């Protein structure tokens, strides 16, 4: 089969569409003929040599895909050859075929194009596991998401709004903020012009945000604590603003706040807080939101897999709103 390979770590041009060994499903796994995959920040980090795959995972880029089941491994129930699916991966999505545990496979939501479905697994599982399963966001609360125009942000806005929360977003342009407003955000903060702590306090009578979903890490750590409401929860899912930050414990104690740092890729397949548990909850709770239109996938661009380098450049440019999909078939 063919897959995107890396000649070395570095800029987007290190990626090549080349022949690689075929893959076969083991016990509890399925083989998927990949129709499309999507570009994530983690792919960019791995391409640069800063985010190695977990032990035993494919070293091919790609943390999600959509496609058709081509083969079912021993012990798999509930899935059949020919099923249209999407999947949460630990790696391997930038390829013609991928092997994945059956517990990480999701049905393609009714009425959704198979290519577009590739943009869902990573964002849906990230947002639902952190914002709802862990942080228990509920109706009437204030939710702040940084990077509102990104893949995570555009999905998080819709899910939080569907739950009845008030949604605040940060983004770097009026265009992105307008798109966030269309998706359900009510508090729009241009981080190049305004201070998000001040804005959140002004819109909450000084109380702050009940849940903050942050992709910046160190750069926003102290101000995120300032923006938290009493008993608020800060969930850090990225390091775009650096890896070393200083945490004011006194402020955190004063707010009875929680700071949590999480990721999907290194979670166990099964058990508590596992990928299997998250995927099952997403299918139960988020897929109905897609079916009735409260949530929809936001795709900025679709490119052929051979143009993966251009997809990475688009994400690096920070001009995208939503996901970049790479068509394999």
C-alpha atoms as a PDB file:
ATOM      1  CA  UNK A   1       0.000   0.000   0.000  1.00  0.00           C
ATOM      2  CA  UNK A   2       0.959   3.676  -0.143  1.00  0.00           C
ATOM      3  CA  UNK A   3       1.248   6.155   2.709  1.00  0.00           C
ATOM      4  CA  UNK A   4       2.756   9.522   3.528  1.00  0.00           C
ATOM      5  CA  UNK A   5       6.307   8.952   4.781  1.00  0.00           C
ATOM      6  CA  UNK A   6       8.877  11.351   6.252  1.00  0.00           C
ATOM      7  CA  UNK A   7      12.319  11.561   4.667  1.00  0.00           C
ATOM      8  CA  UNK A   8      13.403  13.277   7.857  1.00  0.00           C
ATOM      9  CA  UNK A   9      11.885  15.583  10.447  1.00  0.00           C
ATOM     10  CA  UNK A  10      11.311  19.141   9.323  1.00  0.00           C
ATOM     11  CA  UNK A  11       9.170  21.356   7.135  1.00  0.00           C
ATOM     12  CA  UNK A  12       6.140  20.128   5.126  1.00  0.00           C
ATOM     13  CA  UNK A  13       8.224  19.149   2.093  1.00  0.00           C
ATOM     14  CA  UNK A  14       9.753  16.215   4.012  1.00  0.00           C
ATOM     15  CA  UNK A  15       6.495  14.315   3.406  1.00  0.00           C
ATOM     16  CA  UNK A  16       6.302  11.887   0.483  1.00  0.00           C
ATOM     17  CA  UNK A  17       3.568   9.568  -0.856  1.00  0.00           C
ATOM     18  CA  UNK A  18       5.495   6.281  -1.018  1.00  0.00           C
ATOM     19  CA  UNK A  19       5.054   2.523  -0.847  1.00  0.00           C
ATOM     20  CA  UNK A  20       5.068   0.991   2.639  1.00  0.00           C
ATOM     21  CA  UNK A  21       4.390  -2.517   4.014  1.00  0.00           C
ATOM     22  CA  UNK A  22       0.780  -3.691   4.047  1.00  0.00           C
ATOM     23  CA  UNK A  23      -1.041  -3.887   7.385  1.00  0.00           C
ATOM     24  CA  UNK A  24      -3.256  -6.693   8.689  1.00  0.00           C
ATOM     25  CA  UNK A  25      -5.815  -6.676  11.514  1.00  0.00           C
ATOM     26  CA  UNK A  26      -5.083  -8.611  14.670  1.00  0.00           C
ATOM     27  CA  UNK A  27      -7.532  -9.841  17.274  1.00  0.00           C
ATOM     28  CA  UNK A  28     -10.062  -7.156  18.160  1.00  0.00           C
ATOM     29  CA  UNK A  29      -9.054  -4.969  15.219  1.00  0.00           C
ATOM     30  CA  UNK A  30     -10.492  -3.979  11.853  1.00  0.00           C
ATOM     31  CA  UNK A  31      -8.793  -3.035   8.590  1.00  0.00           C
ATOM     32  CA  UNK A  32     -10.151   0.127   6.978  1.00  0.00           C
ATOM     33  CA  UNK A  33      -9.774   1.180   3.355  1.00  0.00           C
ATOM     34  CA  UNK A  34      -9.130   4.858   4.025  1.00  0.00           C
ATOM     35  CA  UNK A  35     -11.209   7.340   2.042  1.00  0.00           C
ATOM     36  CA  UNK A  36      -9.990  10.465   3.844  1.00  0.00           C
ATOM     37  CA  UNK A  37      -7.999  11.669   6.821  1.00  0.00           C
ATOM     38  CA  UNK A  38      -7.579  15.104   8.414  1.00  0.00           C
ATOM     39  CA  UNK A  39      -4.692  17.298   9.515  1.00  0.00           C
ATOM     40  CA  UNK A  40      -4.222  17.910  13.241  1.00  0.00           C
ATOM     41  CA  UNK A  41      -1.718  19.978  15.215  1.00  0.00           C
ATOM     42  CA  UNK A  42      -0.297  16.703  16.511  1.00  0.00           C
ATOM     43  CA  UNK A  43       0.611  15.744  12.925  1.00  0.00           C
ATOM     44  CA  UNK A  44       2.563  18.971  12.566  1.00  0.00           C
ATOM     45  CA  UNK A  45       4.422  18.300  15.815  1.00  0.00           C
ATOM     46  CA  UNK A  46       5.214  14.724  14.764  1.00  0.00           C
ATOM     47  CA  UNK A  47       6.437  15.905  11.363  1.00  0.00           C
ATOM     48  CA  UNK A  48       8.851  18.217  13.168  1.00  0.00           C
ATOM     49  CA  UNK A  49      10.081  15.392  15.421  1.00  0.00           C
ATOM     50  CA  UNK A  50       8.403  16.667  18.581  1.00  0.00           C
ATOM     51  CA  UNK A  51       5.569  14.161  19.109  1.00  0.00           C
ATOM     52  CA  UNK A  52       6.518  10.490  18.734  1.00  0.00           C
ATOM     53  CA  UNK A  53       3.727   7.902  18.423  1.00  0.00           C
ATOM     54  CA  UNK A  54       2.937   5.661  21.408  1.00  0.00           C
ATOM     55  CA  UNK A  55       4.796   2.334  21.605  1.00  0.00           C
ATOM     56  CA  UNK A  56       3.389  -0.107  19.067  1.00  0.00           C
ATOM     57  CA  UNK A  57       1.494   2.542  17.079  1.00  0.00           C
ATOM     58  CA  UNK A  58       2.106   3.275  13.413  1.00  0.00           C
ATOM     59  CA  UNK A  59       4.739   5.933  12.730  1.00  0.00           C
ATOM     60  CA  UNK A  60       2.652   7.148   9.772  1.00  0.00           C
ATOM     61  CA  UNK A  61       0.957  10.480  10.487  1.00  0.00           C
ATOM     62  CA  UNK A  62      -2.788  10.691  10.990  1.00  0.00           C
ATOM     63  CA  UNK A  63      -4.946  10.494  14.128  1.00  0.00           C
ATOM     64  CA  UNK A  64      -8.314  10.021  12.429  1.00  0.00           C
ATOM     65  CA  UNK A  65      -9.812   8.745   9.216  1.00  0.00           C
ATOM     66  CA  UNK A  66     -12.980   7.746   7.416  1.00  0.00           C
ATOM     67  CA  UNK A  67     -13.452   4.811   5.089  1.00  0.00           C
ATOM     68  CA  UNK A  68     -14.922   1.379   4.550  1.00  0.00           C
ATOM     69  CA  UNK A  69     -14.145  -1.735   6.578  1.00  0.00           C
ATOM     70  CA  UNK A  70     -12.162  -4.136   4.382  1.00  0.00           C
ATOM     71  CA  UNK A  71     -11.466  -6.910   6.898  1.00  0.00           C
ATOM     72  CA  UNK A  72     -12.582  -7.833  10.409  1.00  0.00           C
ATOM     73  CA  UNK A  73     -10.158  -9.417  12.864  1.00  0.00           C
ATOM     74  CA  UNK A  74     -10.834 -12.333  15.172  1.00  0.00           C
ATOM     75  CA  UNK A  75     -13.133 -11.572  18.078  1.00  0.00           C
ATOM     76  CA  UNK A  76     -14.702  -8.451  16.566  1.00  0.00           C
ATOM     77  CA  UNK A  77     -18.475  -8.144  16.841  1.00  0.00           C
ATOM     78  CA  UNK A  78     -20.806  -5.414  15.632  1.00  0.00           C
ATOM     79  CA  UNK A  79     -18.756  -4.473  12.565  1.00  0.00           C
ATOM     80  CA  UNK A  80     -18.822  -6.010   9.102  1.00  0.00           C
ATOM     81  CA  UNK A  81     -16.934  -5.766   5.831  1.00  0.00           C
ATOM     82  CA  UNK A  82     -18.416  -2.895   3.822  1.00  0.00           C
ATOM     83  CA  UNK A  83     -19.482  -0.756   6.799  1.00  0.00           C
ATOM     84  CA  UNK A  84     -18.953   2.986   6.297  1.00  0.00           C
ATOM     85  CA  UNK A  85     -17.034   4.218   9.333  1.00  0.00           C
ATOM     86  CA  UNK A  86     -14.723   6.800  10.800  1.00  0.00           C
ATOM     87  CA  UNK A  87     -12.121   6.068  13.454  1.00  0.00           C
ATOM     88  CA  UNK A  88      -9.951   7.520  16.199  1.00  0.00           C
ATOM     89  CA  UNK A  89      -6.350   6.456  15.602  1.00  0.00           C
ATOM     90  CA  UNK A  90      -3.035   6.462  17.438  1.00  0.00           C
ATOM     91  CA  UNK A  91      -1.383   6.916  14.036  1.00  0.00           C
ATOM     92  CA  UNK A  92      -1.524   5.661  10.460  1.00  0.00           C
ATOM     93  CA  UNK A  93      -4.313   7.747   8.926  1.00  0.00           C
ATOM     94  CA  UNK A  94      -2.263   9.215   6.065  1.00  0.00           C
ATOM     95  CA  UNK A  95      -2.376   5.899   4.195  1.00  0.00           C
ATOM     96  CA  UNK A  96      -4.464   3.760   1.866  1.00  0.00           C
ATOM     97  CA  UNK A  97      -5.272   1.346   4.693  1.00  0.00           C
ATOM     98  CA  UNK A  98      -5.101   1.442   8.475  1.00  0.00           C
ATOM     99  CA  UNK A  99      -5.611  -1.048  11.296  1.00  0.00           C
ATOM    100  CA  UNK A 100      -7.503   0.154  14.367  1.00  0.00           C
ATOM    101  CA  UNK A 101      -9.073  -1.439  17.473  1.00  0.00           C
ATOM    102  CA  UNK A 102     -12.762  -2.041  16.829  1.00  0.00           C
ATOM    103  CA  UNK A 103     -13.567  -0.099  20.012  1.00  0.00           C
ATOM    104  CA  UNK A 104     -12.243   3.078  18.351  1.00  0.00           C
ATOM    105  CA  UNK A 105     -14.448   2.815  15.265  1.00  0.00           C
ATOM    106  CA  UNK A 106     -17.554   4.993  14.899  1.00  0.00           C
ATOM    107  CA  UNK A 107     -20.383   4.770  12.371  1.00  0.00           C
ATOM    108  CA  UNK A 108     -20.543   7.609   9.861  1.00  0.00           C
ATOM    109  CA  UNK A 109     -23.438   9.828  11.007  1.00  0.00           C
ATOM    110  CA  UNK A 110     -26.499   9.492   8.781  1.00  0.00           C
ATOM    111  CA  UNK A 111     -26.505  11.802   5.789  1.00  0.00           C
ATOM    112  CA  UNK A 112     -22.859  12.822   6.200  1.00  0.00           C
ATOM    113  CA  UNK A 113     -20.408  12.653   3.308  1.00  0.00           C
ATOM    114  CA  UNK A 114     -17.729  10.029   3.915  1.00  0.00           C
ATOM    115  CA  UNK A 115     -14.914  12.496   3.207  1.00  0.00           C
ATOM    116  CA  UNK A 116     -16.281  15.046   5.666  1.00  0.00           C
ATOM    117  CA  UNK A 117     -16.618  12.375   8.367  1.00  0.00           C
ATOM    118  CA  UNK A 118     -12.815  12.207   8.518  1.00  0.00           C
ATOM    119  CA  UNK A 119     -12.865  15.602  10.253  1.00  0.00           C
ATOM    120  CA  UNK A 120     -14.881  14.348  13.229  1.00  0.00           C
ATOM    121  CA  UNK A 121     -13.262  11.659  15.432  1.00  0.00           C
ATOM    122  CA  UNK A 122     -10.357  13.618  16.911  1.00  0.00           C
ATOM    123  CA  UNK A 123     -12.281  16.832  17.626  1.00  0.00           C
ATOM    124  CA  UNK A 124     -15.423  15.081  18.837  1.00  0.00           C
ATOM    125  CA  UNK A 125     -13.539  12.808  21.227  1.00  0.00           C
ATOM    126  CA  UNK A 126     -11.279  15.608  22.480  1.00  0.00           C
ATOM    127  CA  UNK A 127     -14.085  18.046  23.165  1.00  0.00           C
ATOM    128  CA  UNK A 128     -16.572  15.597  24.659  1.00  0.00           C
ATOM    129  CA  UNK A 129     -14.049  13.860  26.922  1.00  0.00           C
ATOM    130  CA  UNK A 130     -12.625  17.096  28.307  1.00  0.00           C
ATOM    131  CA  UNK A 131     -15.531  19.512  28.334  1.00  0.00           C
ATOM    132  CA  UNK A 132     -18.356  17.170  29.315  1.00  0.00           C
ATOM    133  CA  UNK A 133     -17.089  13.833  30.631  1.00  0.00           C
ATOM    134  CA  UNK A 134     -14.333  15.395  32.773  1.00  0.00           C
ATOM    135  CA  UNK A 135     -15.471  18.988  33.377  1.00  0.00           C
ATOM    136  CA  UNK A 136     -19.242  18.383  33.409  1.00  0.00           C
ATOM    137  CA  UNK A 137     -20.143  21.533  31.469  1.00  0.00           C
ATOM    138  CA  UNK A 138     -23.870  22.127  31.722  1.00  0.00           C
ATOM    139  CA  UNK A 139     -26.613  24.533  30.743  1.00  0.00           C
ATOM    140  CA  UNK A 140     -26.254  28.049  32.148  1.00  0.00           C
ATOM    141  CA  UNK A 141     -22.497  27.868  32.664  1.00  0.00           C
ATOM    142  CA  UNK A 142     -19.925  30.049  30.926  1.00  0.00           C
ATOM    143  CA  UNK A 143     -17.498  28.198  28.666  1.00  0.00           C
ATOM    144  CA  UNK A 144     -14.340  29.799  27.238  1.00  0.00           C
ATOM    145  CA  UNK A 145     -12.496  28.141  24.349  1.00  0.00           C
ATOM    146  CA  UNK A 146      -9.229  29.512  23.024  1.00  0.00           C
ATOM    147  CA  UNK A 147      -8.570  29.232  19.305  1.00  0.00           C
ATOM    148  CA  UNK A 148     -12.237  29.351  18.439  1.00  0.00           C
ATOM    149  CA  UNK A 149     -11.573  29.186  14.694  1.00  0.00           C
ATOM    150  CA  UNK A 150      -9.639  25.914  14.792  1.00  0.00           C
ATOM    151  CA  UNK A 151     -10.928  22.381  14.403  1.00  0.00           C
ATOM    152  CA  UNK A 152     -11.302  21.881  18.153  1.00  0.00           C
ATOM    153  CA  UNK A 153     -12.715  25.354  18.663  1.00  0.00           C
ATOM    154  CA  UNK A 154     -15.388  25.244  15.967  1.00  0.00           C
ATOM    155  CA  UNK A 155     -16.605  21.895  17.282  1.00  0.00           C
ATOM    156  CA  UNK A 156     -16.452  22.932  20.953  1.00  0.00           C
ATOM    157  CA  UNK A 157     -18.529  26.052  20.300  1.00  0.00           C
ATOM    158  CA  UNK A 158     -21.349  24.007  18.787  1.00  0.00           C
ATOM    159  CA  UNK A 159     -21.365  21.295  21.447  1.00  0.00           C
ATOM    160  CA  UNK A 160     -21.312  23.800  24.317  1.00  0.00           C
ATOM    161  CA  UNK A 161     -24.088  25.857  22.722  1.00  0.00           C
ATOM    162  CA  UNK A 162     -26.149  22.699  22.176  1.00  0.00           C
ATOM    163  CA  UNK A 163     -25.795  21.959  25.902  1.00  0.00           C
ATOM    164  CA  UNK A 164     -27.139  25.410  26.764  1.00  0.00           C
ATOM    165  CA  UNK A 165     -23.880  26.998  27.902  1.00  0.00           C
ATOM    166  CA  UNK A 166     -22.850  30.579  27.150  1.00  0.00           C
ATOM    167  CA  UNK A 167     -19.821  30.385  24.869  1.00  0.00           C
ATOM    168  CA  UNK A 168     -16.869  32.793  24.847  1.00  0.00           C
ATOM    169  CA  UNK A 169     -14.105  32.458  22.247  1.00  0.00           C
ATOM    170  CA  UNK A 170     -10.747  33.978  21.458  1.00  0.00           C
ATOM    171  CA  UNK A 171      -9.550  34.328  17.884  1.00  0.00           C
ATOM    172  CA  UNK A 172      -7.129  36.546  15.983  1.00  0.00           C
ATOM    173  CA  UNK A 173      -9.313  38.153  13.326  1.00  0.00           C
ATOM    174  CA  UNK A 174     -12.750  39.648  12.810  1.00  0.00           C
ATOM    175  CA  UNK A 175     -13.435  37.055  10.118  1.00  0.00           C
ATOM    176  CA  UNK A 176     -12.788  34.157  12.482  1.00  0.00           C
ATOM    177  CA  UNK A 177     -14.869  35.755  15.216  1.00  0.00           C
ATOM    178  CA  UNK A 178     -17.759  36.217  12.780  1.00  0.00           C
ATOM    179  CA  UNK A 179     -17.587  32.505  11.921  1.00  0.00           C
ATOM    180  CA  UNK A 180     -17.522  31.635  15.633  1.00  0.00           C
ATOM    181  CA  UNK A 181     -20.625  33.772  16.155  1.00  0.00           C
ATOM    182  CA  UNK A 182     -22.414  31.881  13.381  1.00  0.00           C
ATOM    183  CA  UNK A 183     -21.640  28.621  15.198  1.00  0.00           C
ATOM    184  CA  UNK A 184     -23.093  29.807  18.516  1.00  0.00           C
ATOM    185  CA  UNK A 185     -20.451  31.846  20.334  1.00  0.00           C
ATOM    186  CA  UNK A 186     -21.898  34.822  22.202  1.00  0.00           C
ATOM    187  CA  UNK A 187     -18.763  36.469  23.615  1.00  0.00           C
ATOM    188  CA  UNK A 188     -16.219  37.299  20.905  1.00  0.00           C
ATOM    189  CA  UNK A 189     -12.680  38.263  21.928  1.00  0.00           C
ATOM    190  CA  UNK A 190      -9.967  39.317  19.492  1.00  0.00           C
ATOM    191  CA  UNK A 191      -6.842  38.310  21.390  1.00  0.00           C
ATOM    192  CA  UNK A 192      -4.744  40.752  19.332  1.00  0.00           C
ATOM    193  CA  UNK A 193      -6.780  43.697  20.619  1.00  0.00           C
ATOM    194  CA  UNK A 194      -8.545  42.718  23.828  1.00  0.00           C
ATOM    195  CA  UNK A 195      -7.701  41.006  27.112  1.00  0.00           C
ATOM    196  CA  UNK A 196      -9.745  37.833  27.467  1.00  0.00           C
ATOM    197  CA  UNK A 197      -9.691  37.969  31.280  1.00  0.00           C
ATOM    198  CA  UNK A 198     -11.311  41.412  31.283  1.00  0.00           C
ATOM    199  CA  UNK A 199     -13.825  40.427  28.609  1.00  0.00           C
ATOM    200  CA  UNK A 200     -14.917  37.250  30.397  1.00  0.00           C
ATOM    201  CA  UNK A 201     -15.325  39.076  33.700  1.00  0.00           C
ATOM    202  CA  UNK A 202     -17.318  41.879  32.062  1.00  0.00           C
ATOM    203  CA  UNK A 203     -19.752  39.390  30.559  1.00  0.00           C
ATOM    204  CA  UNK A 204     -20.184  37.397  33.769  1.00  0.00           C
ATOM    205  CA  UNK A 205     -20.599  40.168  36.374  1.00  0.00           C
ATOM    206  CA  UNK A 206     -17.045  39.562  37.507  1.00  0.00           C
ATOM    207  CA  UNK A 207     -17.495  35.838  38.090  1.00  0.00           C
ATOM    208  CA  UNK A 208     -15.417  34.316  35.293  1.00  0.00           C
ATOM    209  CA  UNK A 209     -15.610  31.131  33.205  1.00  0.00           C
ATOM    210  CA  UNK A 210     -16.792  27.834  34.662  1.00  0.00           C
ATOM    211  CA  UNK A 211     -14.825  25.774  32.120  1.00  0.00           C
ATOM    212  CA  UNK A 212     -11.866  26.873  29.979  1.00  0.00           C
ATOM    213  CA  UNK A 213     -10.534  24.742  27.114  1.00  0.00           C
ATOM    214  CA  UNK A 214      -6.998  25.877  26.328  1.00  0.00           C
ATOM    215  CA  UNK A 215      -4.614  24.983  23.516  1.00  0.00           C
ATOM    216  CA  UNK A 216      -1.907  27.503  24.437  1.00  0.00           C
ATOM    217  CA  UNK A 217      -0.381  26.054  27.582  1.00  0.00           C
ATOM    218  CA  UNK A 218       2.327  28.100  29.287  1.00  0.00           C
ATOM    219  CA  UNK A 219       1.594  31.471  27.680  1.00  0.00           C
ATOM    220  CA  UNK A 220      -1.984  31.571  28.983  1.00  0.00           C
ATOM    221  CA  UNK A 221      -1.627  29.635  32.238  1.00  0.00           C
ATOM    222  CA  UNK A 222      -1.628  32.518  34.719  1.00  0.00           C
ATOM    223  CA  UNK A 223      -4.306  34.538  32.920  1.00  0.00           C
ATOM    224  CA  UNK A 224      -6.504  31.469  32.534  1.00  0.00           C
ATOM    225  CA  UNK A 225      -6.494  31.088  36.317  1.00  0.00           C
ATOM    226  CA  UNK A 226      -7.455  34.782  36.558  1.00  0.00           C
ATOM    227  CA  UNK A 227     -10.361  34.104  34.177  1.00  0.00           C
ATOM    228  CA  UNK A 228     -11.695  31.118  36.137  1.00  0.00           C
ATOM    229  CA  UNK A 229     -14.909  31.353  38.117  1.00  0.00           C
ATOM    230  CA  UNK A 230     -15.060  29.950  41.670  1.00  0.00           C
ATOM    231  CA  UNK A 231     -14.857  26.139  41.407  1.00  0.00           C
ATOM    232  CA  UNK A 232     -13.914  26.596  37.750  1.00  0.00           C
ATOM    233  CA  UNK A 233     -12.005  24.085  35.670  1.00  0.00           C
ATOM    234  CA  UNK A 234      -9.122  24.779  33.291  1.00  0.00           C
ATOM    235  CA  UNK A 235      -8.381  22.012  30.786  1.00  0.00           C
ATOM    236  CA  UNK A 236      -5.069  22.306  28.918  1.00  0.00           C
ATOM    237  CA  UNK A 237      -4.908  20.291  25.689  1.00  0.00           C
ATOM    238  CA  UNK A 238      -2.069  21.991  23.809  1.00  0.00           C
ATOM    239  CA  UNK A 239       1.302  23.711  24.062  1.00  0.00           C
ATOM    240  CA  UNK A 240       1.198  26.237  21.227  1.00  0.00           C
ATOM    241  CA  UNK A 241       2.228  28.919  23.725  1.00  0.00           C
ATOM    242  CA  UNK A 242       5.068  26.992  25.340  1.00  0.00           C
ATOM    243  CA  UNK A 243       5.646  24.139  27.772  1.00  0.00           C
ATOM    244  CA  UNK A 244       6.949  25.862  30.913  1.00  0.00           C
ATOM    245  CA  UNK A 245       4.609  28.102  32.885  1.00  0.00           C
ATOM    246  CA  UNK A 246       4.272  29.413  36.420  1.00  0.00           C
ATOM    247  CA  UNK A 247       1.155  28.553  38.411  1.00  0.00           C
ATOM    248  CA  UNK A 248       0.037  30.834  41.236  1.00  0.00           C
ATOM    249  CA  UNK A 249      -1.186  28.316  43.784  1.00  0.00           C
ATOM    250  CA  UNK A 250      -2.628  31.024  46.044  1.00  0.00           C
ATOM    251  CA  UNK A 251      -4.928  32.254  43.275  1.00  0.00           C
ATOM    252  CA  UNK A 252      -5.937  28.714  42.399  1.00  0.00           C
ATOM    253  CA  UNK A 253      -6.706  27.879  46.026  1.00  0.00           C
ATOM    254  CA  UNK A 254      -8.701  31.074  46.399  1.00  0.00           C
ATOM    255  CA  UNK A 255     -10.931  29.995  43.532  1.00  0.00           C
ATOM    256  CA  UNK A 256     -11.015  26.300  44.472  1.00  0.00           C
ATOM    257  CA  UNK A 257      -9.990  25.854  40.864  1.00  0.00           C
ATOM    258  CA  UNK A 258      -8.933  22.748  38.982  1.00  0.00           C
ATOM    259  CA  UNK A 259      -6.185  22.588  36.359  1.00  0.00           C
ATOM    260  CA  UNK A 260      -6.159  19.468  34.209  1.00  0.00           C
ATOM    261  CA  UNK A 261      -3.849  18.558  31.332  1.00  0.00           C
ATOM    262  CA  UNK A 262      -5.024  15.790  29.038  1.00  0.00           C
ATOM    263  CA  UNK A 263      -4.533  14.212  25.641  1.00  0.00           C
ATOM    264  CA  UNK A 264      -6.105  11.427  23.606  1.00  0.00           C
ATOM    265  CA  UNK A 265      -3.236   9.724  21.841  1.00  0.00           C
ATOM    266  CA  UNK A 266      -1.607   8.089  24.849  1.00  0.00           C
ATOM    267  CA  UNK A 267      -4.803   6.977  26.582  1.00  0.00           C
ATOM    268  CA  UNK A 268      -5.302   3.215  26.984  1.00  0.00           C
ATOM    269  CA  UNK A 269      -7.578   1.415  24.563  1.00  0.00           C
ATOM    270  CA  UNK A 270      -9.837   0.036  27.295  1.00  0.00           C
ATOM    271  CA  UNK A 271     -10.752   0.768  30.885  1.00  0.00           C
ATOM    272  CA  UNK A 272     -11.591   3.936  32.788  1.00  0.00           C
ATOM    273  CA  UNK A 273     -11.030   7.166  30.816  1.00  0.00           C
ATOM    274  CA  UNK A 274     -10.018   5.023  27.845  1.00  0.00           C
ATOM    275  CA  UNK A 275     -10.460   5.641  24.139  1.00  0.00           C
ATOM    276  CA  UNK A 276     -13.144   2.945  24.044  1.00  0.00           C
ATOM    277  CA  UNK A 277     -15.124   4.680  26.797  1.00  0.00           C
ATOM    278  CA  UNK A 278     -14.812   8.069  25.117  1.00  0.00           C
ATOM    279  CA  UNK A 279     -15.775   6.771  21.662  1.00  0.00           C
ATOM    280  CA  UNK A 280     -18.861   5.032  23.054  1.00  0.00           C
ATOM    281  CA  UNK A 281     -19.961   8.202  24.844  1.00  0.00           C
ATOM    282  CA  UNK A 282     -19.414  10.314  21.725  1.00  0.00           C
ATOM    283  CA  UNK A 283     -21.577   7.986  19.637  1.00  0.00           C
ATOM    284  CA  UNK A 284     -24.282   8.061  22.312  1.00  0.00           C
ATOM    285  CA  UNK A 285     -24.343  11.815  22.916  1.00  0.00           C
ATOM    286  CA  UNK A 286     -22.628  13.751  20.103  1.00  0.00           C
ATOM    287  CA  UNK A 287     -23.798  11.745  17.087  1.00  0.00           C
ATOM    288  CA  UNK A 288     -27.469  12.666  17.806  1.00  0.00           C
ATOM    289  CA  UNK A 289     -26.403  16.334  17.770  1.00  0.00           C
ATOM    290  CA  UNK A 290     -24.992  15.776  14.283  1.00  0.00           C
ATOM    291  CA  UNK A 291     -28.121  13.928  13.193  1.00  0.00           C
ATOM    292  CA  UNK A 292     -30.455  16.773  14.170  1.00  0.00           C
ATOM    293  CA  UNK A 293     -28.189  19.557  12.939  1.00  0.00           C
ATOM    294  CA  UNK A 294     -27.208  21.133  16.254  1.00  0.00           C
ATOM    295  CA  UNK A 295     -23.581  20.290  15.428  1.00  0.00           C
ATOM    296  CA  UNK A 296     -21.956  20.025  12.008  1.00  0.00           C
ATOM    297  CA  UNK A 297     -18.403  19.358  10.856  1.00  0.00           C
ATOM    298  CA  UNK A 298     -16.555  22.477   9.749  1.00  0.00           C
ATOM    299  CA  UNK A 299     -14.113  21.847   6.893  1.00  0.00           C
ATOM    300  CA  UNK A 300     -11.876  24.653   5.640  1.00  0.00           C
ATOM    301  CA  UNK A 301     -10.402  22.751   2.690  1.00  0.00           C
ATOM    302  CA  UNK A 302     -10.193  19.330   1.047  1.00  0.00           C
ATOM    303  CA  UNK A 303      -6.970  18.329  -0.699  1.00  0.00           C
ATOM    304  CA  UNK A 304      -5.629  15.142  -2.291  1.00  0.00           C
ATOM    305  CA  UNK A 305      -3.385  13.154   0.041  1.00  0.00           C
ATOM    306  CA  UNK A 306      -0.453  13.775  -2.330  1.00  0.00           C
ATOM    307  CA  UNK A 307      -0.813  17.460  -1.359  1.00  0.00           C
ATOM    308  CA  UNK A 308      -0.438  16.752   2.368  1.00  0.00           C
ATOM    309  CA  UNK A 309       2.386  19.275   2.526  1.00  0.00           C
ATOM    310  CA  UNK A 310       0.001  22.025   1.412  1.00  0.00           C
ATOM    311  CA  UNK A 311      -2.472  20.884   4.073  1.00  0.00           C
ATOM    312  CA  UNK A 312       0.213  21.305   6.716  1.00  0.00           C
ATOM    313  CA  UNK A 313       1.125  24.730   5.368  1.00  0.00           C
ATOM    314  CA  UNK A 314      -2.513  25.764   5.632  1.00  0.00           C
ATOM    315  CA  UNK A 315      -2.634  24.715   9.283  1.00  0.00           C
ATOM    316  CA  UNK A 316       0.712  26.387   9.967  1.00  0.00           C
ATOM    317  CA  UNK A 317      -0.597  29.618   8.409  1.00  0.00           C
ATOM    318  CA  UNK A 318      -3.243  29.934  11.136  1.00  0.00           C
ATOM    319  CA  UNK A 319      -5.707  31.098   8.483  1.00  0.00           C
ATOM    320  CA  UNK A 320      -7.979  28.068   8.594  1.00  0.00           C
ATOM    321  CA  UNK A 321     -11.452  27.916  10.094  1.00  0.00           C
ATOM    322  CA  UNK A 322     -12.232  24.308  10.932  1.00  0.00           C
ATOM    323  CA  UNK A 323     -10.415  21.251   9.618  1.00  0.00           C
ATOM    324  CA  UNK A 324      -8.262  20.453   6.599  1.00  0.00           C
ATOM    325  CA  UNK A 325      -9.276  17.105   5.039  1.00  0.00           C
ATOM    326  CA  UNK A 326      -6.941  14.977   2.912  1.00  0.00           C
ATOM    327  CA  UNK A 327      -8.683  12.762   0.323  1.00  0.00           C
ATOM    328  CA  UNK A 328      -7.117   9.326  -0.116  1.00  0.00           C
ATOM    329  CA  UNK A 329      -9.829   7.876  -2.384  1.00  0.00           C
END
